[in-house]
């Protein structure tokens, strides 16, 4: 599995794959812990419905990438994650025909 990820992500070692996976995990946990405080700023728990959750997911996307870049920097993988974020955002751009 590590070898497949190493080739897909064009990384140099299995250790680097491990670090990248740790960064993704830390980012996911951080976003998970931020959900309740962010939603509390928008509305009280009993007033929330699917609209508030949808708004949260739209707003958290850029925050996720900022946190991902932060952890990538902390773990010494900023070059990989900067490329990852650029590649991801380029997929959102509309292609001109």
PDB file of N, CA and C in Angstrom:
ATOM      1  N   UNK A   1       0.828  -1.191   0.000  1.00  0.00           N
ATOM      2  CA  UNK A   1       0.000   0.000   0.000  1.00  0.00           C
ATOM      3  C   UNK A   1       0.874   1.257   0.000  1.00  0.00           C
ATOM      4  N   UNK A   2       1.897   1.276   0.847  1.00  0.00           N
ATOM      5  CA  UNK A   2       2.775   2.446   0.905  1.00  0.00           C
ATOM      6  C   UNK A   2       3.474   2.661  -0.431  1.00  0.00           C
ATOM      7  N   UNK A   3       3.853   1.577  -1.077  1.00  0.00           N
ATOM      8  CA  UNK A   3       4.539   1.689  -2.360  1.00  0.00           C
ATOM      9  C   UNK A   3       3.618   2.295  -3.418  1.00  0.00           C
ATOM     10  N   UNK A   4       2.359   1.892  -3.405  1.00  0.00           N
ATOM     11  CA  UNK A   4       1.388   2.417  -4.364  1.00  0.00           C
ATOM     12  C   UNK A   4       1.181   3.923  -4.146  1.00  0.00           C
ATOM     13  N   UNK A   5       1.034   4.335  -2.885  1.00  0.00           N
ATOM     14  CA  UNK A   5       0.875   5.761  -2.571  1.00  0.00           C
ATOM     15  C   UNK A   5       2.137   6.544  -2.913  1.00  0.00           C
ATOM     16  N   UNK A   6       3.287   5.942  -2.627  1.00  0.00           N
ATOM     17  CA  UNK A   6       4.561   6.602  -2.934  1.00  0.00           C
ATOM     18  C   UNK A   6       4.657   6.901  -4.426  1.00  0.00           C
ATOM     19  N   UNK A   7       4.284   5.949  -5.249  1.00  0.00           N
ATOM     20  CA  UNK A   7       4.333   6.159  -6.702  1.00  0.00           C
ATOM     21  C   UNK A   7       3.270   7.154  -7.164  1.00  0.00           C
ATOM     22  N   UNK A   8       2.075   7.041  -6.623  1.00  0.00           N
ATOM     23  CA  UNK A   8       0.986   7.934  -7.028  1.00  0.00           C
ATOM     24  C   UNK A   8       1.284   9.391  -6.680  1.00  0.00           C
ATOM     25  N   UNK A   9       1.814   9.600  -5.478  1.00  0.00           N
ATOM     26  CA  UNK A   9       2.101  10.953  -5.010  1.00  0.00           C
ATOM     27  C   UNK A   9       3.509  11.416  -5.368  1.00  0.00           C
ATOM     28  N   UNK A  10       4.266  10.556  -6.036  1.00  0.00           N
ATOM     29  CA  UNK A  10       5.636  10.867  -6.451  1.00  0.00           C
ATOM     30  C   UNK A  10       6.502  11.271  -5.257  1.00  0.00           C
ATOM     31  N   UNK A  11       6.462  10.457  -4.210  1.00  0.00           N
ATOM     32  CA  UNK A  11       7.260  10.681  -3.017  1.00  0.00           C
ATOM     33  C   UNK A  11       8.507   9.808  -3.068  1.00  0.00           C
ATOM     34  N   UNK A  12       9.488  10.140  -2.229  1.00  0.00           N
ATOM     35  CA  UNK A  12      10.780   9.458  -2.301  1.00  0.00           C
ATOM     36  C   UNK A  12      10.890   8.235  -1.407  1.00  0.00           C
ATOM     37  N   UNK A  13      10.112   8.182  -0.324  1.00  0.00           N
ATOM     38  CA  UNK A  13      10.265   7.068   0.608  1.00  0.00           C
ATOM     39  C   UNK A  13       8.941   6.713   1.267  1.00  0.00           C
ATOM     40  N   UNK A  14       8.911   5.537   1.847  1.00  0.00           N
ATOM     41  CA  UNK A  14       7.748   5.114   2.615  1.00  0.00           C
ATOM     42  C   UNK A  14       7.548   5.990   3.841  1.00  0.00           C
ATOM     43  N   UNK A  15       8.649   6.468   4.407  1.00  0.00           N
ATOM     44  CA  UNK A  15       8.575   7.364   5.554  1.00  0.00           C
ATOM     45  C   UNK A  15       7.849   8.654   5.187  1.00  0.00           C
ATOM     46  N   UNK A  16       8.109   9.173   4.016  1.00  0.00           N
ATOM     47  CA  UNK A  16       7.447  10.390   3.546  1.00  0.00           C
ATOM     48  C   UNK A  16       5.950  10.133   3.356  1.00  0.00           C
ATOM     49  N   UNK A  17       5.583   8.962   2.870  1.00  0.00           N
ATOM     50  CA  UNK A  17       4.172   8.595   2.735  1.00  0.00           C
ATOM     51  C   UNK A  17       3.517   8.590   4.111  1.00  0.00           C
ATOM     52  N   UNK A  18       4.212   8.014   5.089  1.00  0.00           N
ATOM     53  CA  UNK A  18       3.697   7.961   6.458  1.00  0.00           C
ATOM     54  C   UNK A  18       3.450   9.365   7.008  1.00  0.00           C
ATOM     55  N   UNK A  19       4.389  10.261   6.799  1.00  0.00           N
ATOM     56  CA  UNK A  19       4.254  11.647   7.272  1.00  0.00           C
ATOM     57  C   UNK A  19       3.067  12.327   6.585  1.00  0.00           C
ATOM     58  N   UNK A  20       2.910  12.124   5.279  1.00  0.00           N
ATOM     59  CA  UNK A  20       1.788  12.729   4.538  1.00  0.00           C
ATOM     60  C   UNK A  20       0.462  12.216   5.103  1.00  0.00           C
ATOM     61  N   UNK A  21       0.377  10.929   5.389  1.00  0.00           N
ATOM     62  CA  UNK A  21      -0.847  10.368   5.971  1.00  0.00           C
ATOM     63  C   UNK A  21      -1.120  10.945   7.362  1.00  0.00           C
ATOM     64  N   UNK A  22      -0.071  11.166   8.139  1.00  0.00           N
ATOM     65  CA  UNK A  22      -0.217  11.786   9.466  1.00  0.00           C
ATOM     66  C   UNK A  22      -0.761  13.209   9.318  1.00  0.00           C
ATOM     67  N   UNK A  23      -0.259  13.946   8.345  1.00  0.00           N
ATOM     68  CA  UNK A  23      -0.736  15.317   8.115  1.00  0.00           C
ATOM     69  C   UNK A  23      -2.217  15.315   7.745  1.00  0.00           C
ATOM     70  N   UNK A  24      -2.623  14.404   6.863  1.00  0.00           N
ATOM     71  CA  UNK A  24      -4.043  14.314   6.515  1.00  0.00           C
ATOM     72  C   UNK A  24      -4.884  13.970   7.754  1.00  0.00           C
ATOM     73  N   UNK A  25      -4.389  13.074   8.584  1.00  0.00           N
ATOM     74  CA  UNK A  25      -5.120  12.686   9.792  1.00  0.00           C
ATOM     75  C   UNK A  25      -5.235  13.859  10.766  1.00  0.00           C
ATOM     76  N   UNK A  26      -4.155  14.570  10.993  1.00  0.00           N
ATOM     77  CA  UNK A  26      -4.177  15.729  11.903  1.00  0.00           C
ATOM     78  C   UNK A  26      -5.134  16.798  11.391  1.00  0.00           C
ATOM     79  N   UNK A  27      -5.116  17.029  10.099  1.00  0.00           N
ATOM     80  CA  UNK A  27      -6.013  18.022   9.502  1.00  0.00           C
ATOM     81  C   UNK A  27      -7.464  17.604   9.678  1.00  0.00           C
ATOM     82  N   UNK A  28      -7.762  16.353   9.440  1.00  0.00           N
ATOM     83  CA  UNK A  28      -9.125  15.852   9.602  1.00  0.00           C
ATOM     84  C   UNK A  28      -9.618  15.982  11.036  1.00  0.00           C
ATOM     85  N   UNK A  29      -8.769  15.616  11.988  1.00  0.00           N
ATOM     86  CA  UNK A  29      -9.166  15.739  13.393  1.00  0.00           C
ATOM     87  C   UNK A  29      -9.367  17.196  13.790  1.00  0.00           C
ATOM     88  N   UNK A  30      -8.507  18.080  13.305  1.00  0.00           N
ATOM     89  CA  UNK A  30      -8.644  19.498  13.630  1.00  0.00           C
ATOM     90  C   UNK A  30      -9.957  20.054  13.094  1.00  0.00           C
ATOM     91  N   UNK A  31     -10.285  19.722  11.855  1.00  0.00           N
ATOM     92  CA  UNK A  31     -11.542  20.188  11.259  1.00  0.00           C
ATOM     93  C   UNK A  31     -12.732  19.621  12.027  1.00  0.00           C
ATOM     94  N   UNK A  32     -12.620  18.370  12.439  1.00  0.00           N
ATOM     95  CA  UNK A  32     -13.701  17.743  13.202  1.00  0.00           C
ATOM     96  C   UNK A  32     -13.925  18.486  14.533  1.00  0.00           C
ATOM     97  N   UNK A  33     -12.842  18.850  15.199  1.00  0.00           N
ATOM     98  CA  UNK A  33     -12.969  19.560  16.474  1.00  0.00           C
ATOM     99  C   UNK A  33     -13.429  21.002  16.297  1.00  0.00           C
ATOM    100  N   UNK A  34     -13.215  21.581  15.132  1.00  0.00           N
ATOM    101  CA  UNK A  34     -13.648  22.957  14.875  1.00  0.00           C
ATOM    102  C   UNK A  34     -15.127  23.065  14.507  1.00  0.00           C
ATOM    103  N   UNK A  35     -15.733  21.950  14.122  1.00  0.00           N
ATOM    104  CA  UNK A  35     -17.105  21.983  13.615  1.00  0.00           C
ATOM    105  C   UNK A  35     -18.079  22.588  14.620  1.00  0.00           C
ATOM    106  N   UNK A  36     -18.099  22.098  15.829  1.00  0.00           N
ATOM    107  CA  UNK A  36     -19.069  22.574  16.819  1.00  0.00           C
ATOM    108  C   UNK A  36     -18.867  24.057  17.154  1.00  0.00           C
ATOM    109  N   UNK A  37     -17.645  24.522  17.421  1.00  0.00           N
ATOM    110  CA  UNK A  37     -17.476  25.961  17.682  1.00  0.00           C
ATOM    111  C   UNK A  37     -17.894  26.848  16.506  1.00  0.00           C
ATOM    112  N   UNK A  38     -17.612  26.416  15.291  1.00  0.00           N
ATOM    113  CA  UNK A  38     -17.987  27.215  14.125  1.00  0.00           C
ATOM    114  C   UNK A  38     -19.499  27.251  13.969  1.00  0.00           C
ATOM    115  N   UNK A  39     -20.157  26.102  14.093  1.00  0.00           N
ATOM    116  CA  UNK A  39     -21.609  26.072  13.977  1.00  0.00           C
ATOM    117  C   UNK A  39     -22.275  26.840  15.120  1.00  0.00           C
ATOM    118  N   UNK A  40     -21.662  26.854  16.290  1.00  0.00           N
ATOM    119  CA  UNK A  40     -22.213  27.610  17.419  1.00  0.00           C
ATOM    120  C   UNK A  40     -22.203  29.110  17.144  1.00  0.00           C
ATOM    121  N   UNK A  41     -21.249  29.566  16.353  1.00  0.00           N
ATOM    122  CA  UNK A  41     -21.213  30.984  15.976  1.00  0.00           C
ATOM    123  C   UNK A  41     -22.368  31.340  15.049  1.00  0.00           C
ATOM    124  N   UNK A  42     -22.799  30.376  14.250  1.00  0.00           N
ATOM    125  CA  UNK A  42     -23.858  30.624  13.274  1.00  0.00           C
ATOM    126  C   UNK A  42     -25.236  30.539  13.917  1.00  0.00           C
ATOM    127  N   UNK A  43     -25.466  29.492  14.731  1.00  0.00           N
ATOM    128  CA  UNK A  43     -26.787  29.311  15.344  1.00  0.00           C
ATOM    129  C   UNK A  43     -26.683  28.371  16.539  1.00  0.00           C
ATOM    130  N   UNK A  44     -27.660  28.477  17.432  1.00  0.00           N
ATOM    131  CA  UNK A  44     -27.728  27.577  18.579  1.00  0.00           C
ATOM    132  C   UNK A  44     -27.998  26.156  18.089  1.00  0.00           C
ATOM    133  N   UNK A  45     -27.602  25.181  18.888  1.00  0.00           N
ATOM    134  CA  UNK A  45     -27.710  23.778  18.484  1.00  0.00           C
ATOM    135  C   UNK A  45     -29.135  23.375  18.116  1.00  0.00           C
ATOM    136  N   UNK A  46     -30.099  23.830  18.884  1.00  0.00           N
ATOM    137  CA  UNK A  46     -31.491  23.443  18.612  1.00  0.00           C
ATOM    138  C   UNK A  46     -32.092  24.162  17.400  1.00  0.00           C
ATOM    139  N   UNK A  47     -31.461  25.234  16.933  1.00  0.00           N
ATOM    140  CA  UNK A  47     -31.967  25.977  15.777  1.00  0.00           C
ATOM    141  C   UNK A  47     -31.374  25.510  14.446  1.00  0.00           C
ATOM    142  N   UNK A  48     -30.397  24.632  14.505  1.00  0.00           N
ATOM    143  CA  UNK A  48     -29.712  24.205  13.279  1.00  0.00           C
ATOM    144  C   UNK A  48     -30.550  23.206  12.491  1.00  0.00           C
ATOM    145  N   UNK A  49     -30.409  23.295  11.183  1.00  0.00           N
ATOM    146  CA  UNK A  49     -31.025  22.314  10.300  1.00  0.00           C
ATOM    147  C   UNK A  49     -30.013  21.993   9.200  1.00  0.00           C
ATOM    148  N   UNK A  50     -30.449  21.361   8.168  1.00  0.00           N
ATOM    149  CA  UNK A  50     -29.537  20.927   7.109  1.00  0.00           C
ATOM    150  C   UNK A  50     -28.881  22.106   6.400  1.00  0.00           C
ATOM    151  N   UNK A  51     -29.522  23.256   6.410  1.00  0.00           N
ATOM    152  CA  UNK A  51     -28.941  24.438   5.748  1.00  0.00           C
ATOM    153  C   UNK A  51     -27.663  24.877   6.452  1.00  0.00           C
ATOM    154  N   UNK A  52     -27.685  24.872   7.786  1.00  0.00           N
ATOM    155  CA  UNK A  52     -26.496  25.277   8.538  1.00  0.00           C
ATOM    156  C   UNK A  52     -25.344  24.298   8.321  1.00  0.00           C
ATOM    157  N   UNK A  53     -25.668  23.026   8.259  1.00  0.00           N
ATOM    158  CA  UNK A  53     -24.631  22.035   8.010  1.00  0.00           C
ATOM    159  C   UNK A  53     -24.045  22.201   6.609  1.00  0.00           C
ATOM    160  N   UNK A  54     -24.892  22.486   5.631  1.00  0.00           N
ATOM    161  CA  UNK A  54     -24.429  22.712   4.262  1.00  0.00           C
ATOM    162  C   UNK A  54     -23.521  23.942   4.197  1.00  0.00           C
ATOM    163  N   UNK A  55     -23.926  25.010   4.859  1.00  0.00           N
ATOM    164  CA  UNK A  55     -23.106  26.230   4.896  1.00  0.00           C
ATOM    165  C   UNK A  55     -21.753  25.935   5.535  1.00  0.00           C
ATOM    166  N   UNK A  56     -21.770  25.149   6.604  1.00  0.00           N
ATOM    167  CA  UNK A  56     -20.519  24.785   7.273  1.00  0.00           C
ATOM    168  C   UNK A  56     -19.577  24.076   6.295  1.00  0.00           C
ATOM    169  N   UNK A  57     -20.085  23.100   5.569  1.00  0.00           N
ATOM    170  CA  UNK A  57     -19.232  22.342   4.661  1.00  0.00           C
ATOM    171  C   UNK A  57     -18.695  23.204   3.525  1.00  0.00           C
ATOM    172  N   UNK A  58     -19.452  24.180   3.099  1.00  0.00           N
ATOM    173  CA  UNK A  58     -18.959  25.094   2.064  1.00  0.00           C
ATOM    174  C   UNK A  58     -17.871  26.005   2.630  1.00  0.00           C
ATOM    175  N   UNK A  59     -18.078  26.501   3.839  1.00  0.00           N
ATOM    176  CA  UNK A  59     -17.114  27.415   4.450  1.00  0.00           C
ATOM    177  C   UNK A  59     -15.853  26.714   4.949  1.00  0.00           C
ATOM    178  N   UNK A  60     -15.971  25.450   5.325  1.00  0.00           N
ATOM    179  CA  UNK A  60     -14.823  24.765   5.918  1.00  0.00           C
ATOM    180  C   UNK A  60     -13.800  24.346   4.868  1.00  0.00           C
ATOM    181  N   UNK A  61     -14.193  24.257   3.609  1.00  0.00           N
ATOM    182  CA  UNK A  61     -13.261  23.804   2.573  1.00  0.00           C
ATOM    183  C   UNK A  61     -11.990  24.655   2.501  1.00  0.00           C
ATOM    184  N   UNK A  62     -12.085  25.980   2.392  1.00  0.00           N
ATOM    185  CA  UNK A  62     -10.839  26.761   2.369  1.00  0.00           C
ATOM    186  C   UNK A  62     -10.078  26.674   3.691  1.00  0.00           C
ATOM    187  N   UNK A  63     -10.808  26.579   4.788  1.00  0.00           N
ATOM    188  CA  UNK A  63     -10.157  26.446   6.100  1.00  0.00           C
ATOM    189  C   UNK A  63      -9.393  25.129   6.165  1.00  0.00           C
ATOM    190  N   UNK A  64      -9.983  24.070   5.621  1.00  0.00           N
ATOM    191  CA  UNK A  64      -9.322  22.759   5.582  1.00  0.00           C
ATOM    192  C   UNK A  64      -7.975  22.870   4.874  1.00  0.00           C
ATOM    193  N   UNK A  65      -7.955  23.544   3.730  1.00  0.00           N
ATOM    194  CA  UNK A  65      -6.709  23.649   2.981  1.00  0.00           C
ATOM    195  C   UNK A  65      -5.672  24.498   3.701  1.00  0.00           C
ATOM    196  N   UNK A  66      -6.103  25.519   4.417  1.00  0.00           N
ATOM    197  CA  UNK A  66      -5.171  26.328   5.208  1.00  0.00           C
ATOM    198  C   UNK A  66      -4.567  25.482   6.322  1.00  0.00           C
ATOM    199  N   UNK A  67      -5.409  24.717   7.003  1.00  0.00           N
ATOM    200  CA  UNK A  67      -4.920  23.842   8.072  1.00  0.00           C
ATOM    201  C   UNK A  67      -3.997  22.777   7.490  1.00  0.00           C
ATOM    202  N   UNK A  68      -4.333  22.245   6.331  1.00  0.00           N
ATOM    203  CA  UNK A  68      -3.498  21.244   5.670  1.00  0.00           C
ATOM    204  C   UNK A  68      -2.111  21.819   5.364  1.00  0.00           C
ATOM    205  N   UNK A  69      -2.067  23.029   4.856  1.00  0.00           N
ATOM    206  CA  UNK A  69      -0.777  23.676   4.580  1.00  0.00           C
ATOM    207  C   UNK A  69      -0.004  23.932   5.864  1.00  0.00           C
ATOM    208  N   UNK A  70      -0.708  24.312   6.931  1.00  0.00           N
ATOM    209  CA  UNK A  70      -0.056  24.547   8.217  1.00  0.00           C
ATOM    210  C   UNK A  70       0.612  23.272   8.730  1.00  0.00           C
ATOM    211  N   UNK A  71      -0.157  22.172   8.783  1.00  0.00           N
ATOM    212  CA  UNK A  71       0.417  20.912   9.251  1.00  0.00           C
ATOM    213  C   UNK A  71       1.507  20.410   8.303  1.00  0.00           C
ATOM    214  N   UNK A  72       1.327  20.609   7.018  1.00  0.00           N
ATOM    215  CA  UNK A  72       2.358  20.229   6.058  1.00  0.00           C
ATOM    216  C   UNK A  72       3.656  20.964   6.324  1.00  0.00           C
ATOM    217  N   UNK A  73       3.576  22.226   6.669  1.00  0.00           N
ATOM    218  CA  UNK A  73       4.758  23.015   7.015  1.00  0.00           C
ATOM    219  C   UNK A  73       5.390  22.496   8.304  1.00  0.00           C
ATOM    220  N   UNK A  74       4.561  22.250   9.316  1.00  0.00           N
ATOM    221  CA  UNK A  74       5.057  21.770  10.611  1.00  0.00           C
ATOM    222  C   UNK A  74       5.794  20.432  10.457  1.00  0.00           C
ATOM    223  N   UNK A  75       5.267  19.551   9.607  1.00  0.00           N
ATOM    224  CA  UNK A  75       5.862  18.231   9.426  1.00  0.00           C
ATOM    225  C   UNK A  75       6.897  18.188   8.299  1.00  0.00           C
ATOM    226  N   UNK A  76       7.240  19.338   7.745  1.00  0.00           N
ATOM    227  CA  UNK A  76       8.298  19.404   6.737  1.00  0.00           C
ATOM    228  C   UNK A  76       7.887  18.932   5.348  1.00  0.00           C
ATOM    229  N   UNK A  77       6.615  18.960   5.043  1.00  0.00           N
ATOM    230  CA  UNK A  77       6.130  18.502   3.749  1.00  0.00           C
ATOM    231  C   UNK A  77       5.383  19.613   3.013  1.00  0.00           C
ATOM    232  N   UNK A  78       5.794  20.844   3.235  1.00  0.00           N
ATOM    233  CA  UNK A  78       5.072  21.983   2.659  1.00  0.00           C
ATOM    234  C   UNK A  78       5.076  21.951   1.129  1.00  0.00           C
ATOM    235  N   UNK A  79       6.159  21.497   0.515  1.00  0.00           N
ATOM    236  CA  UNK A  79       6.226  21.448  -0.951  1.00  0.00           C
ATOM    237  C   UNK A  79       5.168  20.492  -1.498  1.00  0.00           C
ATOM    238  N   UNK A  80       5.036  19.324  -0.896  1.00  0.00           N
ATOM    239  CA  UNK A  80       4.042  18.356  -1.347  1.00  0.00           C
ATOM    240  C   UNK A  80       2.638  18.920  -1.204  1.00  0.00           C
ATOM    241  N   UNK A  81       2.324  19.494  -0.035  1.00  0.00           N
ATOM    242  CA  UNK A  81       0.960  19.946   0.215  1.00  0.00           C
ATOM    243  C   UNK A  81       0.618  21.218  -0.557  1.00  0.00           C
ATOM    244  N   UNK A  82       1.580  22.057  -0.815  1.00  0.00           N
ATOM    245  CA  UNK A  82       1.310  23.227  -1.656  1.00  0.00           C
ATOM    246  C   UNK A  82       0.929  22.767  -3.064  1.00  0.00           C
ATOM    247  N   UNK A  83       1.654  21.791  -3.585  1.00  0.00           N
ATOM    248  CA  UNK A  83       1.309  21.230  -4.883  1.00  0.00           C
ATOM    249  C   UNK A  83      -0.043  20.531  -4.859  1.00  0.00           C
ATOM    250  N   UNK A  84      -0.330  19.840  -3.764  1.00  0.00           N
ATOM    251  CA  UNK A  84      -1.607  19.143  -3.620  1.00  0.00           C
ATOM    252  C   UNK A  84      -2.774  20.123  -3.627  1.00  0.00           C
ATOM    253  N   UNK A  85      -2.634  21.223  -2.879  1.00  0.00           N
ATOM    254  CA  UNK A  85      -3.700  22.234  -2.816  1.00  0.00           C
ATOM    255  C   UNK A  85      -3.866  22.911  -4.174  1.00  0.00           C
ATOM    256  N   UNK A  86      -2.772  23.258  -4.830  1.00  0.00           N
ATOM    257  CA  UNK A  86      -2.860  23.887  -6.155  1.00  0.00           C
ATOM    258  C   UNK A  86      -3.554  22.958  -7.146  1.00  0.00           C
ATOM    259  N   UNK A  87      -3.197  21.697  -7.117  1.00  0.00           N
ATOM    260  CA  UNK A  87      -3.801  20.719  -8.024  1.00  0.00           C
ATOM    261  C   UNK A  87      -5.297  20.573  -7.742  1.00  0.00           C
ATOM    262  N   UNK A  88      -5.663  20.541  -6.472  1.00  0.00           N
ATOM    263  CA  UNK A  88      -7.068  20.403  -6.097  1.00  0.00           C
ATOM    264  C   UNK A  88      -7.870  21.613  -6.547  1.00  0.00           C
ATOM    265  N   UNK A  89      -7.359  22.825  -6.300  1.00  0.00           N
ATOM    266  CA  UNK A  89      -8.084  24.027  -6.708  1.00  0.00           C
ATOM    267  C   UNK A  89      -8.142  24.169  -8.224  1.00  0.00           C
ATOM    268  N   UNK A  90      -7.141  23.662  -8.918  1.00  0.00           N
ATOM    269  CA  UNK A  90      -7.181  23.741 -10.380  1.00  0.00           C
ATOM    270  C   UNK A  90      -8.317  22.882 -10.936  1.00  0.00           C
ATOM    271  N   UNK A  91      -8.720  21.864 -10.214  1.00  0.00           N
ATOM    272  CA  UNK A  91      -9.848  21.030 -10.640  1.00  0.00           C
ATOM    273  C   UNK A  91     -11.178  21.762 -10.511  1.00  0.00           C
ATOM    274  N   UNK A  92     -11.231  22.754  -9.623  1.00  0.00           N
ATOM    275  CA  UNK A  92     -12.451  23.530  -9.441  1.00  0.00           C
ATOM    276  C   UNK A  92     -12.628  24.591 -10.523  1.00  0.00           C
ATOM    277  N   UNK A  93     -11.528  24.967 -11.154  1.00  0.00           N
ATOM    278  CA  UNK A  93     -11.609  26.007 -12.183  1.00  0.00           C
ATOM    279  C   UNK A  93     -12.405  25.498 -13.374  1.00  0.00           C
ATOM    280  N   UNK A  94     -13.131  26.412 -13.957  1.00  0.00           N
ATOM    281  CA  UNK A  94     -13.904  26.061 -15.147  1.00  0.00           C
ATOM    282  C   UNK A  94     -12.992  26.035 -16.362  1.00  0.00           C
ATOM    283  N   UNK A  95     -13.124  25.003 -17.137  1.00  0.00           N
ATOM    284  CA  UNK A  95     -12.294  24.874 -18.341  1.00  0.00           C
ATOM    285  C   UNK A  95     -12.946  25.634 -19.478  1.00  0.00           C
ATOM    286  N   UNK A  96     -12.158  26.452 -20.151  1.00  0.00           N
ATOM    287  CA  UNK A  96     -12.658  27.202 -21.312  1.00  0.00           C
ATOM    288  C   UNK A  96     -12.582  26.323 -22.549  1.00  0.00           C
ATOM    289  N   UNK A  97     -13.617  26.396 -23.364  1.00  0.00           N
ATOM    290  CA  UNK A  97     -13.630  25.600 -24.592  1.00  0.00           C
ATOM    291  C   UNK A  97     -13.382  26.458 -25.784  1.00  0.00           C
TER     292      UNK A  97
END
